[in-house]
Amino acid sequence: MTDIALNELLASSYDQALERLRNALASAGRAQDAAKLLAVSKTKPAAMIRQAWQLGQREFGENYLQEALEKQTELADLDGIVWHFIGPLQSNKTRSVAEHFDWVHSVDRLKIAKRLSEQRPTHLAPLNICLQVNISREESKAGVPPEELEALARKVATLPNLHLRGLMAIPAPAEGVEAQRQPLAALREGFTALQNALPEAPLDTLSMGMSDDLEAAILEGATLVRLGTAIFGARQTA
């Protein structure tokens, strides 16, 4: 496929993703600016991110640190680009994440939060943090258990150089909107409880919903929906 055809395909996919978001917000009776897309760009080349930026996308999510750092260097000329780290975060990676990202969605331990706070350069704005919640209680998934969320949030909210902005979750797959809504509703309820418990924290972000459950996530109050394949297409293999 030619570069022109690939560019046209990405433009079409991006338009369709935006339209799907707009339709979901309308169906949920929410304002059109109540949620936005986070383009999950892991494994995608910098050229595709550049084109998505040219189409108006500004928020990009990366899972793999070294790959992300290389793309950030290549795309350093793009104004207003916002980098979200959404993958598992180990202690030996916190410094690079603290230095090069605007958001981290995968904080589920106080140790990681403390390292991010200590390693965030003081000339940068505070690092925006979402706590990852294991809302479906899957043994294979990262995330703080729901019953431990408030205690962790209270401690993270006191750390300098961080802004606790909200919650993130990756629920277990489910068939149908109503089944999909159940864990998302539990996350929303936990978010509301956290807002009441920590009124001084800038809690305004629910990072939930992907290609398969976007509509359910919007119905349950998502403010940031993570879409990868729906925007960039399936991962190309050799």
Foldseek 3Di string as FASTA:
>chain_A
DDPVVLLVVLLVLVVVVLVVLQVLCVVLVHDSQQADEAAEQELHALVSVVSVVVVPDAHYEYADQVRVVVSCVVPVVRPRHAYEYEHDDDPVCLLSCLDPHQEYADDADLVSLQSSLVNRDPVDAAREYAFEAALQPDPVDDGHHLVCVLVSVVSSCPRPSYAHAYYEYDYDDDPDLVVVLVSLLVRLVSGVVNCVVCVPGNHRAYEDAEDVHSSSNSSNRHRYYYYYCSNNNDNDDD
